[in-house]
Protein backbone atom coordinates (compact mmCIF):
# COMPACT_ATOMS: atom_id res chain seq x y z
CA MET A 1 -26.09 -10.41 45.24
CA THR A 2 -26.76 -8.54 42.03
CA THR A 3 -23.82 -6.22 42.57
CA GLN A 4 -21.53 -9.11 43.44
CA ILE A 5 -22.44 -10.92 40.22
CA THR A 6 -22.38 -7.88 37.94
CA LYS A 7 -18.85 -6.77 38.80
CA PRO A 8 -17.20 -10.08 37.96
CA LEU A 9 -19.22 -10.21 34.73
CA ALA A 10 -18.12 -6.71 33.83
CA GLY A 11 -14.51 -7.61 34.55
CA THR A 12 -14.86 -10.75 32.45
CA ALA A 13 -16.27 -8.72 29.58
CA LEU A 14 -13.38 -6.29 29.75
CA LEU A 15 -10.87 -9.14 29.81
CA ALA A 16 -12.57 -10.81 26.86
CA GLY A 17 -12.46 -7.55 24.94
CA ALA A 18 -8.78 -7.07 25.70
CA LEU A 19 -7.98 -10.62 24.60
CA ALA A 20 -9.96 -10.14 21.41
CA LEU A 21 -8.00 -6.96 20.65
CA LEU A 22 -4.73 -8.72 21.35
CA SER A 23 -5.71 -11.63 19.13
CA ALA A 24 -6.65 -9.25 16.35
CA SER A 25 -3.22 -7.63 16.48
CA PHE A 26 -1.66 -11.02 15.78
CA ALA A 27 -4.15 -12.09 13.11
CA TYR A 28 -2.23 -12.45 9.85
CA ALA A 29 -3.50 -12.93 6.31
CA ALA A 30 -0.85 -15.60 5.75
CA ASP A 31 1.66 -17.58 7.74
CA GLN A 32 4.49 -15.16 8.46
CA GLY A 33 7.09 -17.92 8.31
CA SER A 34 6.01 -18.64 4.74
CA VAL A 35 5.99 -14.94 3.86
CA ALA A 36 9.47 -14.42 5.34
CA ARG A 37 10.87 -17.41 3.45
CA GLY A 38 9.23 -16.02 0.33
CA GLY A 39 11.11 -12.79 1.00
CA ARG A 40 14.38 -14.72 1.08
CA LEU A 41 13.45 -16.42 -2.20
CA TYR A 42 12.62 -13.01 -3.70
CA ASP A 43 16.07 -11.88 -2.57
CA LYS A 44 18.13 -14.80 -3.91
CA TRP A 45 16.11 -17.96 -4.48
CA TYR A 46 19.00 -20.12 -5.64
CA ALA A 47 20.91 -19.44 -2.41
CA GLU A 48 17.86 -20.13 -0.24
CA THR A 49 17.19 -23.43 -2.06
CA LYS A 50 20.90 -24.34 -2.20
CA GLN A 51 21.04 -24.54 -5.97
CA GLU A 52 23.52 -23.29 -8.53
CA ALA A 53 22.42 -20.11 -10.23
CA PRO A 54 21.18 -20.49 -13.82
CA LYS A 55 23.94 -20.22 -16.42
CA GLU A 56 21.96 -18.17 -18.92
CA SER A 57 20.45 -14.73 -18.45
CA HIS A 58 16.76 -14.53 -17.65
CA LYS A 59 14.81 -14.10 -20.88
CA LEU A 60 12.87 -11.10 -19.50
CA TYR A 61 15.96 -9.18 -18.39
CA PRO A 62 16.78 -6.36 -20.86
CA ALA A 63 19.75 -7.05 -23.13
CA ASP A 64 21.09 -3.56 -22.43
CA GLY A 65 20.68 -3.83 -18.67
CA LYS A 66 23.65 -3.39 -16.32
CA TYR A 67 23.55 -7.04 -15.29
CA ALA A 68 22.70 -8.61 -18.64
CA GLU A 69 25.91 -10.65 -18.52
CA LYS A 70 25.39 -11.80 -14.93
CA ALA A 71 22.96 -14.69 -15.19
CA GLY A 72 22.67 -15.40 -11.49
CA THR A 73 22.09 -11.77 -10.61
CA ASN A 74 19.44 -11.15 -13.25
CA TRP A 75 17.41 -14.16 -12.09
CA ARG A 76 16.86 -12.57 -8.68
CA CYS A 77 13.32 -11.19 -8.36
CA LYS A 78 14.57 -8.08 -6.60
CA GLU A 79 16.86 -7.22 -9.53
CA CYS A 80 13.93 -6.39 -11.80
CA HIS A 81 11.17 -5.56 -9.32
CA GLY A 82 13.23 -3.81 -6.65
CA TRP A 83 13.49 -4.30 -2.90
CA ASP A 84 10.41 -2.12 -2.55
CA GLY A 85 8.48 -4.22 -5.08
CA ASN A 86 7.67 -1.13 -7.16
CA GLY A 87 10.00 -1.79 -10.08
CA VAL A 88 10.37 1.15 -12.45
CA ASP A 89 8.03 3.21 -10.27
CA GLY A 90 10.16 2.80 -7.15
CA ALA A 91 13.77 3.02 -6.03
CA TYR A 92 14.93 1.31 -9.25
CA ASN A 93 13.54 4.07 -11.47
CA ALA A 94 17.11 5.06 -12.35
CA GLY A 95 20.71 4.02 -11.81
CA LYS A 96 22.53 0.77 -12.38
CA HIS A 97 19.52 -1.34 -11.37
CA PHE A 98 17.16 0.32 -13.84
CA THR A 99 15.40 -2.13 -16.16
CA GLY A 100 12.13 -0.40 -16.99
CA ILE A 101 10.24 -3.43 -15.66
CA LYS A 102 7.13 -2.88 -13.58
CA GLY A 103 6.87 -3.95 -9.95
CA VAL A 104 5.00 -6.78 -8.28
CA ASN A 105 3.08 -4.35 -6.06
CA GLY A 106 0.03 -4.66 -8.30
CA MET A 107 -0.42 -8.22 -7.00
CA GLN A 108 -0.51 -7.27 -3.32
CA ASN A 109 -3.62 -8.58 -1.56
CA GLY A 110 -4.41 -10.67 -4.63
CA ASP A 111 -4.55 -14.39 -5.28
CA PRO A 112 -1.34 -16.34 -4.58
CA ALA A 113 -2.38 -18.89 -7.22
CA ALA A 114 -2.27 -16.13 -9.84
CA VAL A 115 1.30 -15.31 -8.79
CA VAL A 116 2.30 -18.97 -9.05
CA ALA A 117 0.80 -19.07 -12.55
CA VAL A 118 2.99 -16.13 -13.57
CA LEU A 119 6.11 -17.61 -11.97
CA THR A 120 5.67 -20.97 -13.70
CA GLY A 121 4.72 -19.54 -17.09
CA ASP A 122 7.11 -19.77 -20.02
CA ALA A 123 8.21 -16.14 -19.68
CA HIS A 124 9.39 -16.38 -16.06
CA GLY A 125 10.40 -20.03 -16.06
CA TYR A 126 10.70 -20.58 -12.32
CA GLY A 127 8.72 -23.81 -12.46
CA ASP A 128 11.91 -25.54 -13.61
CA TYR A 129 13.74 -24.52 -10.45
CA LEU A 130 11.31 -24.06 -7.56
CA SER A 131 9.25 -26.66 -5.71
CA GLU A 132 5.57 -26.28 -4.94
CA THR A 133 6.49 -25.11 -1.43
CA ASP A 134 8.99 -22.60 -2.82
CA LEU A 135 6.42 -21.23 -5.24
CA SER A 136 3.79 -21.00 -2.52
CA ASP A 137 6.13 -19.14 -0.18
CA LEU A 138 7.27 -16.73 -2.89
CA ALA A 139 3.66 -16.08 -3.92
CA ASN A 140 2.69 -15.44 -0.29
CA PHE A 141 5.45 -12.85 -0.06
CA VAL A 142 4.30 -11.10 -3.23
CA VAL A 143 0.68 -11.04 -2.04
CA HIS A 144 1.06 -10.55 1.72
CA GLY A 145 4.61 -9.23 2.17
CA GLU A 146 3.89 -5.52 2.75
CA TYR A 147 7.23 -4.77 1.14
CA GLY A 148 6.68 -1.19 -0.06
CA TYR A 149 8.15 0.29 3.14
CA SER A 150 7.04 3.76 2.00
CA ALA A 151 5.75 4.59 5.47
CA TYR A 152 9.26 4.12 6.86
CA VAL A 153 11.49 5.65 4.16
CA SER A 154 11.55 9.35 3.34
CA GLU A 155 13.90 10.81 0.71
CA GLY A 156 15.99 7.65 0.76
CA LYS A 157 16.41 7.59 4.54
CA ILE A 158 14.71 5.49 7.19
CA THR A 159 12.35 7.24 9.58
CA GLY A 160 12.63 5.19 12.74
CA ASP A 161 13.42 5.83 16.39
CA ALA A 162 17.12 5.18 17.02
CA GLU A 163 16.73 4.89 20.79
CA ARG A 164 14.06 2.21 20.50
CA GLY A 165 16.06 0.51 17.77
CA GLY A 166 19.10 0.35 20.02
CA GLN A 167 17.15 -1.70 22.56
CA VAL A 168 16.30 -4.23 19.85
CA TYR A 169 19.75 -4.23 18.30
CA ARG A 170 21.56 -4.84 21.57
CA THR A 171 19.26 -7.72 22.54
CA VAL A 172 18.68 -9.39 19.15
CA CYS A 173 21.24 -8.33 16.56
CA SER A 174 24.52 -7.73 18.38
CA LYS A 175 25.14 -11.41 19.14
CA CYS A 176 25.91 -12.04 15.47
CA HIS A 177 26.77 -8.56 14.20
CA GLY A 178 28.71 -7.31 17.20
CA ASP A 179 28.24 -4.15 19.23
CA GLU A 180 29.59 -2.03 16.37
CA GLY A 181 27.88 -3.90 13.53
CA LYS A 182 31.16 -5.11 12.02
CA LEU A 183 30.47 -8.83 12.08
CA PRO A 184 30.60 -11.24 10.38
CA LYS A 185 33.92 -10.16 8.95
CA GLU A 186 33.10 -11.27 5.40
CA MET A 187 30.41 -8.59 5.06
CA PRO A 188 30.71 -4.78 5.16
CA PRO A 189 29.88 -2.90 8.37
CA LEU A 190 26.12 -2.60 8.78
CA ALA A 191 26.24 1.19 8.95
CA SER A 192 27.80 1.30 5.46
CA LEU A 193 24.69 -0.38 4.02
CA VAL A 194 21.95 1.98 5.23
CA GLY A 195 22.15 4.04 2.06
CA ASN A 196 19.82 1.39 0.66
CA PRO A 197 17.19 1.28 3.44
CA TRP A 198 14.80 -0.83 1.35
CA GLU A 199 17.32 -3.67 1.11
CA VAL A 200 18.32 -3.48 4.77
CA MET A 201 14.70 -3.45 5.90
CA HIS A 202 13.91 -6.38 3.61
CA LYS A 203 16.66 -8.45 5.17
CA ILE A 204 15.78 -7.49 8.76
CA LEU A 205 12.17 -8.47 8.15
CA ASN A 206 12.85 -11.70 6.26
CA GLY A 207 16.39 -12.81 7.07
CA GLN A 208 19.33 -13.58 4.79
CA PRO A 209 18.95 -16.39 2.20
CA ASN A 210 20.35 -19.69 3.47
CA GLU A 211 21.71 -18.07 6.63
CA SER A 212 20.73 -18.36 10.30
CA MET A 213 19.78 -14.67 10.52
CA PRO A 214 16.29 -14.39 12.10
CA GLY A 215 13.59 -12.32 10.43
CA LEU A 216 11.50 -9.87 12.44
CA ARG A 217 8.50 -10.00 10.10
CA ALA A 218 6.08 -11.28 12.74
CA PHE A 219 6.58 -8.00 14.63
CA ASP A 220 5.47 -4.55 13.58
CA HIS A 221 7.54 -3.21 10.65
CA LEU A 222 8.29 -0.15 12.75
CA ILE A 223 10.62 -2.28 14.89
CA SER A 224 12.78 -2.99 11.83
CA ALA A 225 12.77 0.70 10.89
CA ASP A 226 13.89 1.58 14.42
CA VAL A 227 16.80 -0.88 14.19
CA ILE A 228 17.97 0.69 10.92
CA ALA A 229 17.68 4.17 12.44
CA TYR A 230 19.92 3.03 15.29
CA ILE A 231 22.46 1.51 12.90
CA ALA A 232 22.56 4.71 10.86
CA ALA A 233 22.84 7.02 13.87
CA GLU A 234 25.07 5.13 16.26
CA LEU A 235 27.24 2.52 14.52
CA PRO A 236 30.51 3.28 12.70
CA PRO A 237 30.37 2.96 8.89
CA GLU A 238 33.97 1.74 8.66
């Protein structure tokens, strides 16, 4: 009898351990739907919230910056802080997007309320445009978004597995973007965009502002890197 009881108990223990491990792999610090929407707000908040862009330049954007005369553009969080969230210390350390402004990466794993306080302060001024839900989602992205992507980008190129990425692309992405990545027609071919892997990865993880594009954030970031690797290796750039 002892043997008959012990084996089922051992099996139960193993099953419980496996379930606990599985649960842990899906345990998130914040709701991933909120974080993904925050990523879309970080990208272009006025499109995501269906508002008109502000008519005046953001007061913190440098007067000599490339986009100083483009009020809508210079109100986008990504325009100062970069797609990688590292600001002047990241991909925007030079070139037309250079502003000299620091990133938001210093607030990762911090307090979302502190981020909201910054966003609604006089300097940033987003309290005049964003609702409490918007602010909460954007703060969750800043704190929990894991947007550095440094583990997946090397020397400006994505380091994913193109073969694995093809499996995802052909089952998830091709319905809207087509087998060759040339849809919708109003946007450039996907393969022509991979020169900025931080932006492409951001959009694959979080979706496109005010569009039906799904975000893959709830899955391992490596999946998004694999998709980009496939796009770069196998799809035509023109």
